[in-house]
Amino acid sequence: MEQSTGRRVVYHSDALDAMASEEAIRKDYESQDAWGLLTSIDLHHCNGETIRDAAKIKQFVRELCEHIKMKRFGETVVVDFGEDEKVAGFSMTQLIETSLISAHFANQTNATYLDIFSCKYYTPVEAAQFAKKFFGAKDFTLTYTLRK
């Protein structure tokens, strides 16, 4: 049986040379003949008003999909829940023709946990930088995994 996970590498925004990082990820993706790419982006110290606004979150998804050239499939789902103060906040899902984008927005820490999975290549560092700017985050951690 074939394994479904690939390489896992972590980048921090404060030490990130965007062009070199993006080139390294693309080269890794191509050399591994990856089936898909999963990028997890943890955004820290986001603008609290933005992450608590369902309309802004939906706007972010539309703009992100345009930015990384993904076609949305259906509407963005945004739900506010969480009895535990530590995890309370909006969660978002957006089907895309090549898979799924999801996120959770933690009210207590003003953090955003964004996942982008696609079998079509996109630029992870650009996605992270776009999300950082949109949510007014102080910094981010990017982890990518190649799927085989």
Protein backbone atom coordinates (compact mmCIF):
# COMPACT_ATOMS: atom_id res chain seq x y z
CA MET A 1 0.00 0.00 0.00
CA GLU A 2 1.29 3.44 -0.95
CA GLN A 3 2.02 6.05 1.73
CA SER A 4 -0.12 9.21 1.61
CA THR A 5 2.20 11.69 3.30
CA GLY A 6 5.32 13.40 2.03
CA ARG A 7 7.82 15.93 3.24
CA ARG A 8 7.02 18.34 6.04
CA VAL A 9 8.90 21.61 6.35
CA VAL A 10 8.25 24.58 8.62
CA TYR A 11 8.94 28.23 7.76
CA HIS A 12 8.58 31.21 10.08
CA SER A 13 7.65 34.56 8.58
CA ASP A 14 10.31 36.48 10.47
CA ALA A 15 13.08 34.36 8.92
CA LEU A 16 11.45 33.89 5.54
CA ASP A 17 13.15 34.73 2.27
CA ALA A 18 9.97 34.48 0.21
CA MET A 19 11.49 33.87 -3.23
CA ALA A 20 13.98 31.22 -2.04
CA SER A 21 11.33 29.49 0.07
CA GLU A 22 8.80 29.44 -2.75
CA GLU A 23 11.37 28.11 -5.20
CA ALA A 24 12.41 25.38 -2.75
CA ILE A 25 8.80 24.28 -2.19
CA ARG A 26 8.04 24.13 -5.93
CA LYS A 27 11.25 22.18 -6.60
CA ASP A 28 10.40 19.74 -3.79
CA TYR A 29 6.85 19.34 -5.14
CA GLU A 30 8.09 18.60 -8.65
CA SER A 31 10.98 16.32 -7.65
CA GLN A 32 8.70 14.23 -5.42
CA ASP A 33 6.06 14.02 -8.16
CA ALA A 34 3.55 15.00 -5.48
CA TRP A 35 -0.14 14.30 -5.94
CA GLY A 36 -1.14 17.22 -3.77
CA LEU A 37 0.03 19.96 -1.44
CA LEU A 38 -1.21 20.76 2.06
CA THR A 39 -0.19 24.07 3.60
CA SER A 40 -0.98 24.87 7.22
CA ILE A 41 -0.58 28.51 8.13
CA ASP A 42 -0.76 29.64 11.76
CA LEU A 43 -1.28 33.41 11.91
CA HIS A 44 -0.51 35.08 15.24
CA HIS A 45 -1.84 38.31 16.78
CA CYS A 46 -4.49 38.93 14.11
CA ASN A 47 -6.87 41.89 14.06
CA GLY A 48 -9.62 40.77 16.45
CA GLU A 49 -12.38 42.63 14.61
CA THR A 50 -11.55 40.96 11.32
CA ILE A 51 -11.44 37.38 12.63
CA ARG A 52 -14.78 37.92 14.42
CA ASP A 53 -16.58 39.11 11.28
CA ALA A 54 -18.18 36.36 9.15
CA ALA A 55 -18.54 38.68 6.14
CA LYS A 56 -14.83 39.56 6.28
CA ILE A 57 -13.91 35.87 6.48
CA LYS A 58 -16.02 35.16 3.38
CA GLN A 59 -14.37 38.10 1.62
CA PHE A 60 -10.96 36.67 2.55
CA VAL A 61 -11.86 33.30 1.01
CA ARG A 62 -13.01 34.90 -2.26
CA GLU A 63 -9.87 37.01 -2.50
CA LEU A 64 -7.54 34.16 -1.48
CA CYS A 65 -9.02 31.87 -4.14
CA GLU A 66 -8.49 34.57 -6.77
CA HIS A 67 -4.96 35.18 -5.49
CA ILE A 68 -3.90 31.51 -5.63
CA LYS A 69 -5.99 30.79 -8.74
CA MET A 70 -8.40 28.27 -7.21
CA LYS A 71 -12.00 27.89 -8.32
CA ARG A 72 -14.51 27.84 -5.47
CA PHE A 73 -17.11 25.07 -5.49
CA GLY A 74 -20.25 26.17 -3.67
CA GLU A 75 -20.54 28.77 -0.96
CA THR A 76 -18.19 29.45 1.93
CA VAL A 77 -19.48 28.05 5.22
CA VAL A 78 -18.68 30.11 8.34
CA VAL A 79 -19.94 28.93 11.74
CA ASP A 80 -19.34 30.51 15.17
CA PHE A 81 -19.07 27.95 17.95
CA GLY A 82 -17.07 26.64 20.87
CA GLU A 83 -18.17 26.37 24.48
CA ASP A 84 -14.58 26.27 25.71
CA GLU A 85 -13.17 29.82 25.76
CA LYS A 86 -9.83 28.49 24.47
CA VAL A 87 -11.31 27.34 21.15
CA ALA A 88 -14.33 29.64 20.72
CA GLY A 89 -14.55 31.44 17.39
CA PHE A 90 -15.51 31.07 13.76
CA SER A 91 -14.66 28.01 11.70
CA MET A 92 -14.70 28.17 7.91
CA THR A 93 -14.80 25.63 5.09
CA GLN A 94 -14.65 26.23 1.36
CA LEU A 95 -14.68 23.46 -1.19
CA ILE A 96 -12.51 24.17 -4.21
CA GLU A 97 -12.51 22.19 -7.44
CA THR A 98 -9.18 20.66 -6.49
CA SER A 99 -10.01 20.01 -2.79
CA LEU A 100 -10.59 22.18 0.30
CA ILE A 101 -9.67 25.32 2.23
CA SER A 102 -10.53 25.46 5.94
CA ALA A 103 -9.71 27.63 8.93
CA HIS A 104 -10.45 28.21 12.58
CA PHE A 105 -10.29 31.64 14.18
CA ALA A 106 -9.49 31.60 17.93
CA ASN A 107 -11.04 34.56 19.74
CA GLN A 108 -9.01 34.17 22.94
CA THR A 109 -5.63 34.48 21.24
CA ASN A 110 -6.59 36.31 18.01
CA ALA A 111 -4.98 33.47 16.07
CA THR A 112 -6.01 32.01 12.72
CA TYR A 113 -5.30 28.40 11.75
CA LEU A 114 -5.63 28.11 7.96
CA ASP A 115 -5.28 24.92 5.89
CA ILE A 116 -5.14 24.81 2.10
CA PHE A 117 -5.16 21.41 0.39
CA SER A 118 -5.11 20.99 -3.37
CA CYS A 119 -3.95 18.55 -6.02
CA LYS A 120 -3.24 21.64 -8.17
CA TYR A 121 -0.04 23.48 -7.26
CA TYR A 122 -0.34 26.93 -5.71
CA THR A 123 2.20 29.20 -4.05
CA PRO A 124 2.18 28.55 -0.27
CA VAL A 125 4.35 31.50 0.74
CA GLU A 126 2.21 33.93 -1.26
CA ALA A 127 -0.93 32.48 0.34
CA ALA A 128 0.60 32.96 3.80
CA GLN A 129 1.69 36.51 3.08
CA PHE A 130 -1.73 37.35 1.67
CA ALA A 131 -3.47 35.93 4.77
CA LYS A 132 -1.05 37.76 7.08
CA LYS A 133 -1.85 41.07 5.42
CA PHE A 134 -5.62 40.47 5.24
CA PHE A 135 -5.95 39.52 8.92
CA GLY A 136 -3.38 42.05 10.14
CA ALA A 137 -1.29 39.28 11.72
CA LYS A 138 2.02 40.06 13.39
CA ASP A 139 3.65 36.91 11.99
CA PHE A 140 2.95 33.38 10.78
CA THR A 141 4.28 29.86 10.76
CA LEU A 142 3.92 27.90 7.52
CA THR A 143 4.11 24.12 7.36
CA TYR A 144 3.72 22.24 4.10
CA THR A 145 3.26 18.57 3.43
CA LEU A 146 3.53 16.88 0.06
CA ARG A 147 0.91 14.23 -0.53
CA LYS A 148 1.70 11.17 -2.62
